[in-house]
N, C-alpha and C. Protein backbone atom coordinates (compact mmCIF):
# COMPACT_ATOMS: atom_id res chain seq x y z
N MET A 1 -79.17 -18.22 23.13
CA MET A 1 -79.30 -17.16 22.15
C MET A 1 -79.73 -17.77 20.82
N ASN A 2 -80.60 -17.10 20.17
CA ASN A 2 -81.14 -17.55 18.90
C ASN A 2 -80.06 -17.49 17.82
N THR A 3 -79.86 -18.59 17.11
CA THR A 3 -78.84 -18.62 16.06
C THR A 3 -79.20 -17.73 14.88
N ASN A 4 -80.50 -17.51 14.66
CA ASN A 4 -80.92 -16.60 13.59
C ASN A 4 -80.47 -15.18 13.89
N LEU A 5 -80.50 -14.80 15.16
CA LEU A 5 -80.05 -13.47 15.57
C LEU A 5 -78.57 -13.30 15.25
N ILE A 6 -77.78 -14.30 15.60
CA ILE A 6 -76.35 -14.24 15.34
C ILE A 6 -76.08 -14.16 13.84
N ALA A 7 -76.79 -14.96 13.06
CA ALA A 7 -76.58 -14.98 11.61
C ALA A 7 -76.97 -13.63 10.99
N THR A 8 -78.04 -13.04 11.46
CA THR A 8 -78.49 -11.75 10.93
C THR A 8 -77.46 -10.67 11.19
N VAL A 9 -77.00 -10.59 12.43
CA VAL A 9 -76.01 -9.58 12.78
C VAL A 9 -74.70 -9.84 12.04
N ALA A 10 -74.32 -11.11 11.91
CA ALA A 10 -73.09 -11.45 11.19
C ALA A 10 -73.19 -11.06 9.72
N CYS A 11 -74.35 -11.25 9.12
CA CYS A 11 -74.53 -10.86 7.71
C CYS A 11 -74.35 -9.36 7.52
N ILE A 12 -74.93 -8.58 8.39
CA ILE A 12 -74.77 -7.12 8.30
C ILE A 12 -73.31 -6.75 8.48
N THR A 13 -72.64 -7.40 9.42
CA THR A 13 -71.22 -7.12 9.67
C THR A 13 -70.37 -7.46 8.45
N VAL A 14 -70.63 -8.60 7.84
CA VAL A 14 -69.85 -9.02 6.66
C VAL A 14 -70.09 -8.08 5.49
N ILE A 15 -71.33 -7.71 5.25
CA ILE A 15 -71.62 -6.80 4.13
C ILE A 15 -70.96 -5.45 4.37
N ALA A 16 -71.05 -4.93 5.60
CA ALA A 16 -70.41 -3.66 5.92
C ALA A 16 -68.89 -3.76 5.78
N TYR A 17 -68.33 -4.89 6.17
CA TYR A 17 -66.89 -5.12 6.03
C TYR A 17 -66.48 -5.06 4.55
N LEU A 18 -67.28 -5.69 3.70
CA LEU A 18 -66.98 -5.67 2.26
C LEU A 18 -67.07 -4.25 1.70
N VAL A 19 -68.04 -3.48 2.18
CA VAL A 19 -68.14 -2.08 1.75
C VAL A 19 -66.90 -1.31 2.20
N GLY A 20 -66.43 -1.60 3.41
CA GLY A 20 -65.21 -0.96 3.90
C GLY A 20 -64.00 -1.31 3.06
N ILE A 21 -63.91 -2.57 2.64
CA ILE A 21 -62.80 -2.99 1.77
C ILE A 21 -62.85 -2.24 0.43
N VAL A 22 -64.04 -2.12 -0.13
CA VAL A 22 -64.19 -1.38 -1.39
C VAL A 22 -63.78 0.07 -1.19
N CYS A 23 -64.20 0.68 -0.10
CA CYS A 23 -63.83 2.07 0.17
C CYS A 23 -62.32 2.21 0.32
N LYS A 24 -61.69 1.23 0.96
CA LYS A 24 -60.23 1.26 1.14
C LYS A 24 -59.51 1.18 -0.20
N GLN A 25 -60.07 0.40 -1.13
CA GLN A 25 -59.44 0.25 -2.44
C GLN A 25 -59.62 1.50 -3.31
N LEU A 26 -60.67 2.26 -3.05
CA LEU A 26 -60.87 3.51 -3.78
C LEU A 26 -59.98 4.57 -3.15
N ASN A 27 -59.06 5.06 -3.87
CA ASN A 27 -58.14 6.04 -3.30
C ASN A 27 -58.80 7.39 -3.05
N SER A 28 -60.02 7.57 -3.52
CA SER A 28 -60.70 8.84 -3.34
C SER A 28 -61.42 8.93 -1.99
N VAL A 29 -61.52 7.81 -1.26
CA VAL A 29 -62.19 7.82 0.05
C VAL A 29 -61.12 7.82 1.14
N PRO A 30 -61.02 8.90 1.93
CA PRO A 30 -60.04 8.92 3.02
C PRO A 30 -60.35 7.86 4.08
N ASP A 31 -59.31 7.28 4.66
CA ASP A 31 -59.48 6.21 5.65
C ASP A 31 -60.31 6.65 6.85
N LYS A 32 -60.23 7.93 7.22
CA LYS A 32 -60.96 8.39 8.40
C LYS A 32 -62.47 8.35 8.22
N PHE A 33 -62.95 8.28 6.97
CA PHE A 33 -64.39 8.23 6.73
C PHE A 33 -64.95 6.81 6.64
N ILE A 34 -64.08 5.81 6.55
CA ILE A 34 -64.56 4.43 6.38
C ILE A 34 -65.42 3.96 7.55
N PRO A 35 -65.06 4.22 8.82
CA PRO A 35 -65.97 3.80 9.90
C PRO A 35 -67.36 4.44 9.81
N CYS A 36 -67.41 5.70 9.41
CA CYS A 36 -68.72 6.36 9.25
C CYS A 36 -69.52 5.71 8.12
N ILE A 37 -68.85 5.39 7.05
CA ILE A 37 -69.52 4.78 5.90
C ILE A 37 -70.08 3.42 6.27
N VAL A 38 -69.26 2.57 6.94
CA VAL A 38 -69.75 1.24 7.29
C VAL A 38 -70.84 1.32 8.35
N GLY A 39 -70.78 2.32 9.22
CA GLY A 39 -71.86 2.51 10.20
C GLY A 39 -73.17 2.88 9.53
N ILE A 40 -73.10 3.77 8.56
CA ILE A 40 -74.30 4.18 7.81
C ILE A 40 -74.86 3.00 7.01
N VAL A 41 -73.97 2.26 6.35
CA VAL A 41 -74.41 1.08 5.59
C VAL A 41 -75.08 0.08 6.54
N GLY A 42 -74.48 -0.13 7.70
CA GLY A 42 -75.08 -1.02 8.69
C GLY A 42 -76.45 -0.56 9.13
N GLY A 43 -76.60 0.74 9.36
CA GLY A 43 -77.91 1.29 9.75
C GLY A 43 -78.96 1.07 8.68
N ILE A 44 -78.59 1.28 7.44
CA ILE A 44 -79.51 1.05 6.32
C ILE A 44 -79.89 -0.43 6.24
N LEU A 45 -78.88 -1.30 6.37
CA LEU A 45 -79.15 -2.74 6.33
C LEU A 45 -80.00 -3.19 7.51
N GLY A 46 -79.85 -2.52 8.65
CA GLY A 46 -80.68 -2.84 9.80
C GLY A 46 -82.15 -2.57 9.53
N VAL A 47 -82.43 -1.45 8.89
CA VAL A 47 -83.83 -1.12 8.54
C VAL A 47 -84.35 -2.10 7.50
N VAL A 48 -83.53 -2.40 6.50
CA VAL A 48 -83.95 -3.37 5.48
C VAL A 48 -84.22 -4.73 6.14
N GLY A 49 -83.34 -5.12 7.05
CA GLY A 49 -83.52 -6.40 7.75
C GLY A 49 -84.79 -6.44 8.57
N MET A 50 -85.13 -5.32 9.21
CA MET A 50 -86.35 -5.28 10.02
C MET A 50 -87.59 -5.58 9.18
N TYR A 51 -87.61 -5.08 7.96
CA TYR A 51 -88.77 -5.28 7.10
C TYR A 51 -88.75 -6.59 6.32
N THR A 52 -87.58 -7.21 6.18
CA THR A 52 -87.51 -8.40 5.33
C THR A 52 -87.23 -9.70 6.08
N ILE A 53 -86.67 -9.62 7.27
CA ILE A 53 -86.32 -10.83 8.03
C ILE A 53 -87.33 -11.00 9.16
N PRO A 54 -88.05 -12.12 9.17
CA PRO A 54 -89.11 -12.30 10.17
C PRO A 54 -88.63 -12.25 11.63
N ASP A 55 -87.49 -12.85 11.95
CA ASP A 55 -87.01 -12.89 13.33
C ASP A 55 -85.91 -11.87 13.60
N PHE A 56 -85.98 -10.73 12.93
CA PHE A 56 -84.96 -9.70 13.14
C PHE A 56 -84.98 -9.24 14.59
N PRO A 57 -83.81 -8.98 15.19
CA PRO A 57 -83.77 -8.68 16.63
C PRO A 57 -84.41 -7.35 17.04
N ALA A 58 -84.80 -6.51 16.11
CA ALA A 58 -85.44 -5.24 16.44
C ALA A 58 -86.82 -5.19 15.79
N GLN A 59 -87.77 -4.64 16.52
CA GLN A 59 -89.14 -4.55 16.01
C GLN A 59 -89.56 -3.12 15.68
N ASP A 60 -88.70 -2.15 15.96
CA ASP A 60 -89.01 -0.77 15.59
C ASP A 60 -87.80 -0.18 14.87
N ILE A 61 -88.03 0.91 14.18
CA ILE A 61 -87.01 1.44 13.27
C ILE A 61 -85.77 1.95 14.00
N LEU A 62 -85.93 2.58 15.16
CA LEU A 62 -84.77 3.10 15.87
C LEU A 62 -83.86 1.98 16.37
N ASN A 63 -84.45 0.93 16.90
CA ASN A 63 -83.64 -0.21 17.33
C ASN A 63 -83.01 -0.92 16.14
N ALA A 64 -83.72 -0.97 15.03
CA ALA A 64 -83.16 -1.59 13.82
C ALA A 64 -81.94 -0.80 13.33
N ILE A 65 -82.04 0.50 13.36
CA ILE A 65 -80.91 1.35 12.97
C ILE A 65 -79.75 1.13 13.93
N ALA A 66 -80.03 1.08 15.23
CA ALA A 66 -78.98 0.88 16.23
C ALA A 66 -78.29 -0.47 16.06
N VAL A 67 -79.08 -1.53 15.84
CA VAL A 67 -78.50 -2.86 15.62
C VAL A 67 -77.63 -2.84 14.37
N GLY A 68 -78.11 -2.19 13.32
CA GLY A 68 -77.34 -2.11 12.07
C GLY A 68 -76.06 -1.32 12.22
N ILE A 69 -76.13 -0.19 12.90
CA ILE A 69 -74.93 0.63 13.09
C ILE A 69 -73.90 -0.13 13.93
N ALA A 70 -74.35 -0.76 15.01
CA ALA A 70 -73.42 -1.53 15.84
C ALA A 70 -72.79 -2.66 15.04
N SER A 71 -73.57 -3.31 14.21
CA SER A 71 -73.03 -4.39 13.38
C SER A 71 -72.04 -3.84 12.35
N GLY A 72 -72.38 -2.71 11.75
CA GLY A 72 -71.47 -2.10 10.77
C GLY A 72 -70.17 -1.66 11.40
N LEU A 73 -70.24 -1.05 12.57
CA LEU A 73 -69.02 -0.62 13.24
C LEU A 73 -68.21 -1.81 13.75
N ALA A 74 -68.87 -2.92 14.03
CA ALA A 74 -68.15 -4.13 14.44
C ALA A 74 -67.23 -4.61 13.32
N SER A 75 -67.60 -4.33 12.08
CA SER A 75 -66.72 -4.74 10.97
C SER A 75 -65.40 -3.98 11.02
N THR A 76 -65.44 -2.73 11.44
CA THR A 76 -64.20 -1.95 11.57
C THR A 76 -63.36 -2.52 12.71
N GLY A 77 -64.01 -2.88 13.80
CA GLY A 77 -63.29 -3.48 14.92
C GLY A 77 -62.66 -4.81 14.55
N ALA A 78 -63.40 -5.62 13.81
CA ALA A 78 -62.87 -6.92 13.37
C ALA A 78 -61.66 -6.71 12.46
N ASN A 79 -61.74 -5.73 11.60
CA ASN A 79 -60.62 -5.42 10.71
C ASN A 79 -59.39 -5.02 11.52
N GLN A 80 -59.58 -4.19 12.53
CA GLN A 80 -58.45 -3.72 13.33
C GLN A 80 -57.84 -4.84 14.17
N ILE A 81 -58.67 -5.76 14.67
CA ILE A 81 -58.15 -6.89 15.43
C ILE A 81 -57.22 -7.73 14.55
N VAL A 82 -57.68 -8.06 13.35
CA VAL A 82 -56.86 -8.84 12.44
C VAL A 82 -55.59 -8.07 12.08
N LYS A 83 -55.73 -6.80 11.82
CA LYS A 83 -54.59 -5.98 11.43
C LYS A 83 -53.55 -5.91 12.55
N GLN A 84 -54.00 -5.73 13.78
CA GLN A 84 -53.07 -5.62 14.90
C GLN A 84 -52.41 -6.96 15.23
N LEU A 85 -53.15 -8.06 15.09
CA LEU A 85 -52.58 -9.36 15.41
C LEU A 85 -51.58 -9.84 14.36
N THR A 86 -51.74 -9.40 13.14
CA THR A 86 -50.82 -9.83 12.08
C THR A 86 -49.70 -8.84 11.82
N GLN A 87 -49.70 -7.74 12.53
CA GLN A 87 -48.69 -6.70 12.32
C GLN A 87 -47.36 -7.14 12.94
N GLU A 88 -46.30 -6.98 12.17
CA GLU A 88 -44.95 -7.29 12.66
C GLU A 88 -44.46 -6.13 13.52
N GLU A 89 -43.78 -6.48 14.60
CA GLU A 89 -43.23 -5.43 15.47
C GLU A 89 -41.79 -5.18 15.19
């Protein structure tokens, strides 16, 4: 697997994760909307990545949006994994 592909997807995931953290800190954004927000941010970053990164894993806009959304939603999953593993029972 191409390491540039992994780095690209990881960058989108990290940026979406940071957006999720900011949304969590804003008390005006309900928690139920955070996955939608990070998914949308990921989709936007996927399109931006398609036009700016030469070896981006998608060559058309729909695949770029899909890669971005999946990467953005992965940030929510990563957050939940950490949260569940560190939670006291």
